[in-house]
Amino acid sequence: MLSPKSTELVRATLPAVGGAIGEIAPLFYDKLFAAHPALLRDLFNRGNQARGTQQRALAGAVAAFATGLVENPDARPDAMLSRIAHKHASLGITADQYPIVQRHLFAAIAEVLGDAVTPEVAAAWDEVYWLMANALIAVEARLYAEAGTPDADVFIPCHVIARQAETPEVTTFLVRPADGRPLPVARPGQYVSVQVPLPDGARQIRQYSLSGHPENALQFSVKRVAGDPAGEVSNHLHDHVAVGDTPLVSVPFGDVTLADGDSPVLLASAGIGCTPVIGMLSHLAATGATRRVIAVHADRTETAHAFRADLHQLVAKLPNAAAHVWYEHPELPHPTSRTGRADLTTLDIPAGTVAYLCGPLPFLKTARAQLLASGVAAADIHYEVFGPDLWLGADA
């Protein structure tokens, strides 16, 4: 909780800071990477930096946290903190990195806002920063302890024991620890980080959802990413990582995981968002779940739909499950009611359903609105978005 004096100062300056955060965030990263170039080379996603999405995600998180402190002082945005902490843990972020961030962030704030940043204002925002940072440090310490990596050494050299093309754009990799240690525990819906050496000497890291739960390996699936900038890690994995290679793979993290129980569950995905959903369905089938399961997927075409056969095979193993698939441009005979964009309001969704969504942000927003219109409680709608979470703190 903010002190009373800081609360008033933050409330008074929040419009100015919030209005300028779009300038502050890029300047902060410029200062951070100028002082610590290894962070851009080996930790931060260079593609997201080039696109500006990481800056917008940081801006949204900081503004949302500060707003919450002044408007709801007795509540803490635990969902936002958990999402960020899991991502940090998957990268091996440590407590000693937070003062570095603070130094360059506050230098950027002072440069953009100038004389408006009095010593009192700077102290108030410093209090905001350390409330958020210390909360994250505590959550991350717990995550490291639970993962058996209290020193934040989360990466394990892993042998690639198999790779399988799912579509022309998606490849699945199966890996296991190279030193023979037991597989790390994974929950359905989680992801791993993968670090690879690139031709320019960088060691970039990306997260990939676990797309199944084989007994003797971790399984993750990677979509080739086109565009400018292209997906340098994803494309490197497609083009250069073969069976027998040994990439560094983190223990699993991620806070959007399938809860146990017998309540109805709806799993809705679009595009490569199918990967955690397939992992959840694999878990349900492997454990002989009898709960009601509604599996929904939207894609461009049948050819683009990764795990298309797996979706139907897994649903067929569940006694109380059904699959509903929409294609924008079907290549085979397909029901006209399932052509175009997914419409969850057309489904019979039972009371008490818990929903898990994964896909592009427009799909997530539309699917969430449709589920709310169908009577699903907001607290029962969980989502995973790939890349910086531009939805955090927003009125989704």
Protein backbone atom coordinates (compact mmCIF):
# COMPACT_ATOMS: atom_id res chain seq x y z
CA MET A 1 0.00 0.00 0.00
CA LEU A 2 1.29 3.47 -0.89
CA SER A 3 1.91 5.97 1.89
CA PRO A 4 -0.76 8.73 2.08
CA LYS A 5 1.63 11.41 0.81
CA SER A 6 2.78 9.29 -2.13
CA THR A 7 -0.79 8.35 -2.95
CA GLU A 8 -1.73 11.99 -3.42
CA LEU A 9 1.38 12.74 -5.47
CA VAL A 10 0.91 9.71 -7.71
CA ARG A 11 -2.77 10.53 -8.17
CA ALA A 12 -1.91 14.08 -9.15
CA THR A 13 0.86 13.09 -11.57
CA LEU A 14 -0.63 9.90 -12.98
CA PRO A 15 -2.26 11.69 -15.95
CA ALA A 16 1.07 13.24 -16.90
CA VAL A 17 3.07 10.04 -16.44
CA GLY A 18 0.38 7.92 -18.07
CA GLY A 19 0.09 10.33 -20.98
CA ALA A 20 3.84 10.31 -21.55
CA ILE A 21 4.49 6.62 -20.92
CA GLY A 22 4.57 6.03 -24.67
CA GLU A 23 7.63 8.30 -24.81
CA ILE A 24 9.09 7.14 -21.50
CA ALA A 25 9.12 3.41 -22.28
CA PRO A 26 11.13 3.52 -25.54
CA LEU A 27 13.58 5.98 -24.01
CA PHE A 28 13.95 3.70 -20.99
CA TYR A 29 14.84 0.74 -23.20
CA ASP A 30 17.28 2.87 -25.21
CA LYS A 31 19.06 3.86 -22.01
CA LEU A 32 18.96 0.32 -20.59
CA PHE A 33 20.42 -1.30 -23.69
CA ALA A 34 23.04 1.40 -24.17
CA ALA A 35 24.33 0.70 -20.66
CA HIS A 36 23.76 -3.08 -20.78
CA PRO A 37 23.88 -4.27 -24.42
CA ALA A 38 24.01 -7.91 -23.32
CA LEU A 39 20.41 -7.61 -22.12
CA LEU A 40 19.18 -6.95 -25.66
CA ARG A 41 21.54 -9.53 -27.14
CA ASP A 42 20.79 -12.39 -24.75
CA LEU A 43 17.60 -11.69 -22.79
CA PHE A 44 15.06 -9.33 -24.32
CA ASN A 45 13.17 -10.30 -27.47
CA ARG A 46 14.77 -8.25 -30.26
CA GLY A 47 11.75 -8.75 -32.51
CA ASN A 48 9.34 -7.36 -29.93
CA GLN A 49 11.68 -4.44 -29.33
CA ALA A 50 11.76 -3.67 -33.05
CA ARG A 51 7.96 -3.82 -33.25
CA GLY A 52 7.49 -1.75 -30.10
CA THR A 53 5.20 -4.30 -28.45
CA GLN A 54 7.44 -4.77 -25.41
CA GLN A 55 7.39 -1.03 -24.75
CA ARG A 56 3.59 -0.89 -24.94
CA ALA A 57 3.28 -3.89 -22.61
CA LEU A 58 5.58 -2.26 -20.04
CA ALA A 59 3.62 0.98 -20.27
CA GLY A 60 0.33 -0.80 -19.72
CA ALA A 61 1.60 -2.78 -16.73
CA VAL A 62 3.18 0.18 -14.93
CA ALA A 63 0.18 2.44 -15.53
CA ALA A 64 -2.25 -0.28 -14.43
CA PHE A 65 -0.30 -0.98 -11.24
CA ALA A 66 -0.07 2.71 -10.29
CA THR A 67 -3.75 3.24 -11.05
CA GLY A 68 -4.67 0.28 -8.88
CA LEU A 69 -2.61 1.61 -5.98
CA VAL A 70 -4.48 4.93 -5.91
CA GLU A 71 -7.96 3.71 -6.85
CA ASN A 72 -8.06 0.35 -5.03
CA PRO A 73 -5.45 0.64 -2.25
CA ASP A 74 -6.72 -2.44 -0.41
CA ALA A 75 -6.44 -4.73 -3.45
CA ARG A 76 -3.40 -5.98 -5.33
CA PRO A 77 -3.47 -6.90 -9.04
CA ASP A 78 -2.37 -10.47 -8.39
CA ALA A 79 -3.39 -11.74 -11.84
CA MET A 80 -1.17 -9.17 -13.54
CA LEU A 81 1.72 -9.81 -11.15
CA SER A 82 1.44 -13.58 -11.60
CA ARG A 83 1.51 -13.29 -15.39
CA ILE A 84 4.61 -11.10 -15.33
CA ALA A 85 6.36 -13.20 -12.67
CA HIS A 86 5.91 -16.44 -14.61
CA LYS A 87 7.37 -14.82 -17.72
CA HIS A 88 10.29 -13.44 -15.69
CA ALA A 89 10.91 -16.81 -14.07
CA SER A 90 10.98 -18.52 -17.46
CA LEU A 91 13.84 -16.16 -18.37
CA GLY A 92 15.74 -16.56 -15.11
CA ILE A 93 15.26 -12.94 -14.00
CA THR A 94 16.93 -12.24 -10.64
CA ALA A 95 16.34 -9.69 -7.89
CA ASP A 96 19.61 -7.86 -8.59
CA GLN A 97 18.30 -6.82 -12.03
CA TYR A 98 15.47 -4.70 -10.62
CA PRO A 99 17.70 -1.81 -9.42
CA ILE A 100 19.16 -1.63 -12.94
CA VAL A 101 15.67 -1.27 -14.40
CA GLN A 102 14.74 1.33 -11.78
CA ARG A 103 17.79 3.46 -12.55
CA HIS A 104 17.14 3.72 -16.27
CA LEU A 105 13.37 3.93 -16.00
CA PHE A 106 13.56 6.91 -13.66
CA ALA A 107 16.18 8.58 -15.83
CA ALA A 108 13.76 8.29 -18.74
CA ILE A 109 10.86 9.67 -16.68
CA ALA A 110 12.94 12.66 -15.59
CA GLU A 111 14.11 13.36 -19.14
CA VAL A 112 10.61 13.26 -20.62
CA LEU A 113 8.77 15.15 -17.88
CA GLY A 114 11.55 17.57 -16.94
CA ASP A 115 10.87 19.98 -14.09
CA ALA A 116 7.57 18.26 -13.27
CA VAL A 117 9.59 15.50 -11.62
CA THR A 118 10.38 17.14 -8.31
CA PRO A 119 12.24 15.16 -5.65
CA GLU A 120 8.90 14.51 -3.92
CA VAL A 121 7.30 13.23 -7.13
CA ALA A 122 10.32 11.05 -7.88
CA ALA A 123 10.16 9.57 -4.37
CA ALA A 124 6.45 8.79 -4.75
CA TRP A 125 6.95 6.99 -8.05
CA ASP A 126 9.99 5.21 -6.63
CA GLU A 127 7.64 3.85 -3.96
CA VAL A 128 5.28 2.63 -6.71
CA TYR A 129 8.15 0.94 -8.50
CA TRP A 130 9.46 -0.89 -5.46
CA LEU A 131 6.01 -2.02 -4.37
CA MET A 132 5.62 -3.65 -7.78
CA ALA A 133 9.21 -4.90 -7.97
CA ASN A 134 9.26 -6.41 -4.50
CA ALA A 135 5.93 -8.13 -5.11
CA LEU A 136 7.35 -9.64 -8.31
CA ILE A 137 10.60 -10.65 -6.60
CA ALA A 138 8.62 -12.49 -3.93
CA VAL A 139 6.45 -14.33 -6.45
CA GLU A 140 9.45 -15.22 -8.58
CA ALA A 141 11.34 -16.57 -5.56
CA ARG A 142 8.39 -18.84 -4.81
CA LEU A 143 8.24 -20.01 -8.43
CA TYR A 144 11.97 -20.80 -8.44
CA ALA A 145 11.64 -22.75 -5.20
CA GLU A 146 8.68 -24.74 -6.50
CA ALA A 147 10.59 -25.53 -9.69
CA GLY A 148 13.62 -26.74 -7.74
CA THR A 149 15.77 -23.90 -9.08
CA PRO A 150 16.15 -21.52 -6.10
CA ASP A 151 19.18 -19.89 -7.74
CA ALA A 152 17.08 -19.01 -10.86
CA ASP A 153 19.20 -21.34 -13.01
CA VAL A 154 16.15 -22.49 -14.97
CA PHE A 155 17.79 -23.63 -18.22
CA ILE A 156 18.67 -27.26 -18.87
CA PRO A 157 20.69 -28.60 -21.84
CA CYS A 158 18.21 -30.89 -23.58
CA HIS A 159 18.65 -33.40 -26.39
CA VAL A 160 16.19 -33.17 -29.24
CA ILE A 161 14.93 -36.75 -29.48
CA ALA A 162 12.35 -36.15 -32.23
CA ARG A 163 10.89 -33.46 -34.47
CA GLN A 164 7.69 -33.66 -36.47
CA ALA A 165 6.20 -31.34 -39.08
CA GLU A 166 2.58 -30.59 -38.13
CA THR A 167 1.91 -28.20 -41.05
CA PRO A 168 4.20 -26.40 -43.52
CA GLU A 169 4.58 -23.68 -40.87
CA VAL A 170 4.53 -25.61 -37.56
CA THR A 171 7.06 -28.12 -36.23
CA THR A 172 6.93 -30.06 -32.97
CA PHE A 173 10.09 -30.79 -30.97
CA LEU A 174 10.47 -33.46 -28.26
CA VAL A 175 13.35 -32.92 -25.85
CA ARG A 176 14.67 -34.50 -22.67
CA PRO A 177 17.47 -33.43 -20.26
CA ALA A 178 20.87 -34.30 -21.68
CA ASP A 179 22.30 -35.17 -18.25
CA GLY A 180 19.68 -37.82 -17.54
CA ARG A 181 17.94 -35.92 -14.76
CA PRO A 182 14.17 -36.51 -14.35
CA LEU A 183 11.84 -34.47 -16.52
CA PRO A 184 10.72 -31.29 -14.78
CA VAL A 185 7.10 -31.28 -13.68
CA ALA A 186 4.75 -29.55 -16.11
CA ARG A 187 1.11 -28.58 -15.79
CA PRO A 188 -1.22 -28.57 -18.81
CA GLY A 189 -1.17 -25.10 -20.35
CA GLN A 190 2.38 -24.16 -19.36
CA TYR A 191 5.28 -23.17 -21.61
CA VAL A 192 9.05 -23.49 -21.75
CA SER A 193 11.69 -20.99 -22.80
CA VAL A 194 14.15 -22.05 -25.47
CA GLN A 195 17.51 -20.33 -25.91
CA VAL A 196 19.51 -20.70 -29.13
CA PRO A 197 22.79 -19.21 -30.40
CA LEU A 198 22.29 -17.07 -33.50
CA PRO A 199 24.80 -16.26 -36.27
CA ASP A 200 25.58 -12.80 -34.84
CA GLY A 201 26.57 -14.27 -31.47
CA ALA A 202 23.33 -13.43 -29.67
CA ARG A 203 21.65 -16.06 -27.51
CA GLN A 204 18.00 -15.16 -27.91
CA ILE A 205 15.16 -16.70 -25.88
CA ARG A 206 11.54 -17.40 -26.79
CA GLN A 207 8.65 -19.12 -25.01
CA TYR A 208 6.70 -22.03 -26.55
CA SER A 209 3.64 -23.75 -25.12
CA LEU A 210 3.82 -27.42 -24.25
CA SER A 211 1.70 -29.09 -26.90
CA GLY A 212 1.42 -32.53 -25.36
CA HIS A 213 2.50 -34.58 -22.37
CA PRO A 214 4.52 -37.62 -23.47
CA GLU A 215 5.92 -39.64 -20.60
CA ASN A 216 9.59 -39.36 -21.51
CA ALA A 217 9.97 -35.86 -22.98
CA LEU A 218 8.86 -32.26 -23.04
CA GLN A 219 6.95 -31.47 -26.22
CA PHE A 220 6.66 -27.97 -27.65
CA SER A 221 5.60 -26.70 -31.06
CA VAL A 222 7.00 -23.79 -33.04
CA LYS A 223 5.41 -21.75 -35.81
CA ARG A 224 7.67 -20.25 -38.45
CA VAL A 225 7.29 -16.47 -38.29
CA ALA A 226 7.49 -14.37 -41.44
CA GLY A 227 7.47 -10.60 -41.72
CA ASP A 228 9.90 -7.85 -40.80
CA PRO A 229 11.43 -8.53 -38.38
CA ALA A 230 11.07 -12.25 -38.91
CA GLY A 231 10.98 -14.68 -36.01
CA GLU A 232 14.70 -15.24 -35.64
CA VAL A 233 14.46 -17.94 -32.94
CA SER A 234 11.43 -19.73 -34.38
CA ASN A 235 12.95 -19.79 -37.85
CA HIS A 236 16.32 -20.89 -36.46
CA LEU A 237 14.63 -23.84 -34.74
CA HIS A 238 12.90 -24.78 -38.00
CA ASP A 239 16.00 -24.46 -40.14
CA HIS A 240 18.90 -25.51 -37.91
CA VAL A 241 17.83 -27.59 -34.89
CA ALA A 242 17.74 -31.32 -35.63
CA VAL A 243 17.43 -34.57 -33.72
CA GLY A 244 20.54 -34.94 -31.55
CA ASP A 245 21.09 -31.20 -31.07
CA THR A 246 21.14 -29.76 -27.55
CA PRO A 247 19.34 -26.44 -27.11
CA LEU A 248 18.86 -24.89 -23.67
CA VAL A 249 15.28 -25.36 -22.47
CA SER A 250 13.82 -23.96 -19.27
CA VAL A 251 11.74 -25.78 -16.73
CA PRO A 252 8.04 -25.13 -17.40
CA PHE A 253 6.27 -21.99 -16.20
CA GLY A 254 2.95 -20.30 -16.91
CA ASP A 255 -0.04 -19.34 -14.80
CA VAL A 256 -2.84 -20.28 -17.23
CA THR A 257 -3.17 -23.96 -16.39
CA LEU A 258 -6.06 -26.39 -16.52
CA ALA A 259 -7.66 -26.69 -13.09
CA ASP A 260 -8.62 -30.09 -11.74
CA GLY A 261 -12.25 -30.80 -10.97
CA ASP A 262 -15.44 -31.88 -12.67
CA SER A 263 -16.82 -28.51 -13.82
CA PRO A 264 -17.50 -28.15 -17.56
CA VAL A 265 -14.52 -26.79 -19.45
CA LEU A 266 -14.33 -24.88 -22.74
CA LEU A 267 -11.01 -24.76 -24.60
CA ALA A 268 -11.00 -22.19 -27.41
CA SER A 269 -8.05 -21.40 -29.68
CA ALA A 270 -7.17 -19.74 -32.94
CA GLY A 271 -4.14 -20.38 -35.14
CA ILE A 272 -1.04 -21.48 -33.26
CA GLY A 273 -2.99 -20.85 -30.05
CA CYS A 274 -3.99 -24.49 -30.41
CA THR A 275 -0.74 -25.63 -28.78
CA PRO A 276 -1.65 -25.21 -25.08
CA VAL A 277 -5.19 -26.38 -25.83
CA ILE A 278 -3.85 -29.62 -27.32
CA GLY A 279 -1.70 -29.99 -24.21
CA MET A 280 -4.80 -29.61 -22.03
CA LEU A 281 -6.79 -32.07 -24.14
CA SER A 282 -3.91 -34.55 -23.96
CA HIS A 283 -3.97 -34.30 -20.19
CA LEU A 284 -7.75 -34.77 -20.04
CA ALA A 285 -7.57 -37.85 -22.27
CA ALA A 286 -4.60 -39.33 -20.39
CA THR A 287 -6.37 -38.96 -17.04
CA GLY A 288 -9.69 -40.37 -18.26
CA ALA A 289 -11.63 -37.19 -17.55
CA THR A 290 -15.42 -37.51 -17.65
CA ARG A 291 -16.24 -33.81 -17.31
CA ARG A 292 -18.01 -31.95 -20.10
CA VAL A 293 -15.43 -30.64 -22.58
CA ILE A 294 -16.11 -28.18 -25.41
CA ALA A 295 -13.13 -27.79 -27.76
CA VAL A 296 -13.24 -24.85 -30.18
CA HIS A 297 -10.69 -23.93 -32.84
CA ALA A 298 -10.56 -21.28 -35.55
CA ASP A 299 -8.05 -21.23 -38.39
CA ARG A 300 -7.50 -20.04 -41.94
CA THR A 301 -7.71 -23.44 -43.62
CA GLU A 302 -7.48 -27.13 -42.88
CA THR A 303 -3.88 -27.14 -44.14
CA ALA A 304 -2.91 -24.38 -41.70
CA HIS A 305 -4.60 -26.12 -38.75
CA ALA A 306 -1.85 -27.69 -36.64
CA PHE A 307 -2.90 -30.79 -34.67
CA ARG A 308 -6.10 -31.06 -36.69
CA ALA A 309 -6.18 -34.86 -36.47
CA ASP A 310 -5.05 -34.82 -32.83
CA LEU A 311 -7.94 -32.55 -31.88
CA HIS A 312 -10.54 -34.99 -33.16
CA GLN A 313 -8.71 -38.07 -31.87
CA LEU A 314 -8.38 -36.64 -28.36
CA VAL A 315 -12.00 -35.48 -28.26
CA ALA A 316 -13.08 -38.95 -29.37
CA LYS A 317 -11.30 -40.43 -26.32
CA LEU A 318 -13.34 -38.29 -23.93
CA PRO A 319 -16.84 -39.57 -23.15
CA ASN A 320 -18.44 -36.15 -22.79
CA ALA A 321 -16.61 -33.96 -25.29
CA ALA A 322 -17.30 -32.25 -28.61
CA ALA A 323 -15.18 -30.31 -31.10
CA HIS A 324 -16.34 -27.24 -33.03
CA VAL A 325 -14.02 -25.97 -35.77
CA TRP A 326 -14.30 -22.85 -37.93
CA TYR A 327 -12.24 -22.22 -41.09
CA GLU A 328 -12.18 -18.84 -42.79
CA HIS A 329 -11.43 -20.41 -46.18
CA PRO A 330 -12.24 -24.14 -46.02
CA GLU A 331 -10.52 -26.33 -48.59
CA LEU A 332 -12.83 -29.31 -48.06
CA PRO A 333 -16.63 -29.54 -47.73
CA HIS A 334 -17.40 -27.78 -44.46
CA PRO A 335 -20.62 -26.70 -42.72
CA THR A 336 -21.53 -23.15 -43.72
CA SER A 337 -22.35 -22.49 -40.07
CA ARG A 338 -18.69 -23.11 -39.28
CA THR A 339 -17.19 -20.99 -42.08
CA GLY A 340 -15.62 -17.66 -41.21
CA ARG A 341 -14.78 -16.46 -37.71
CA ALA A 342 -15.61 -18.52 -34.63
CA ASP A 343 -18.89 -17.60 -32.93
CA LEU A 344 -19.08 -19.04 -29.42
CA THR A 345 -22.60 -17.70 -28.90
CA THR A 346 -23.86 -20.47 -31.19
CA LEU A 347 -22.71 -23.17 -28.75
CA ASP A 348 -24.61 -24.73 -25.88
CA ILE A 349 -22.39 -23.72 -22.97
CA PRO A 350 -23.53 -25.22 -19.65
CA ALA A 351 -23.69 -23.26 -16.43
CA GLY A 352 -20.49 -23.27 -14.41
CA THR A 353 -18.21 -23.61 -17.44
CA VAL A 354 -14.56 -22.61 -16.97
CA ALA A 355 -13.02 -21.32 -20.21
CA TYR A 356 -9.41 -21.23 -21.41
CA LEU A 357 -8.58 -19.10 -24.45
CA CYS A 358 -5.42 -18.85 -26.54
CA GLY A 359 -4.83 -17.00 -29.77
CA PRO A 360 -4.29 -13.53 -31.26
CA LEU A 361 -5.52 -10.60 -29.20
CA PRO A 362 -8.54 -9.79 -31.46
CA PHE A 363 -9.70 -13.41 -31.13
CA LEU A 364 -9.29 -13.30 -27.36
CA LYS A 365 -11.32 -10.12 -27.02
CA THR A 366 -14.09 -11.38 -29.27
CA ALA A 367 -14.22 -14.81 -27.64
CA ARG A 368 -14.31 -13.31 -24.16
CA ALA A 369 -17.16 -10.98 -25.09
CA GLN A 370 -19.10 -13.89 -26.62
CA LEU A 371 -18.58 -16.03 -23.53
CA LEU A 372 -19.76 -13.23 -21.26
CA ALA A 373 -22.84 -12.84 -23.46
CA SER A 374 -23.43 -16.58 -23.10
CA GLY A 375 -23.43 -16.34 -19.32
CA VAL A 376 -19.89 -17.46 -18.49
CA ALA A 377 -18.61 -15.61 -15.41
CA ALA A 378 -15.74 -13.21 -16.03
CA ALA A 379 -13.69 -14.87 -13.26
CA ASP A 380 -14.00 -18.19 -15.10
CA ILE A 381 -12.47 -16.94 -18.35
CA HIS A 382 -8.69 -17.42 -18.51
CA TYR A 383 -6.45 -16.54 -21.44
CA GLU A 384 -2.94 -16.98 -22.77
CA VAL A 385 -1.52 -14.62 -25.37
CA PHE A 386 1.78 -15.17 -27.14
CA GLY A 387 4.27 -12.31 -26.96
CA PRO A 388 4.04 -9.21 -24.77
CA ASP A 389 0.64 -9.08 -23.10
CA LEU A 390 -0.90 -5.86 -24.40
CA TRP A 391 -4.12 -6.79 -22.56
CA LEU A 392 -2.66 -6.65 -19.05
CA GLY A 393 -4.32 -3.97 -17.00
CA ALA A 394 -6.71 -3.08 -19.80
CA ASP A 395 -10.47 -3.20 -19.55
CA ALA A 396 -10.71 -6.42 -21.55
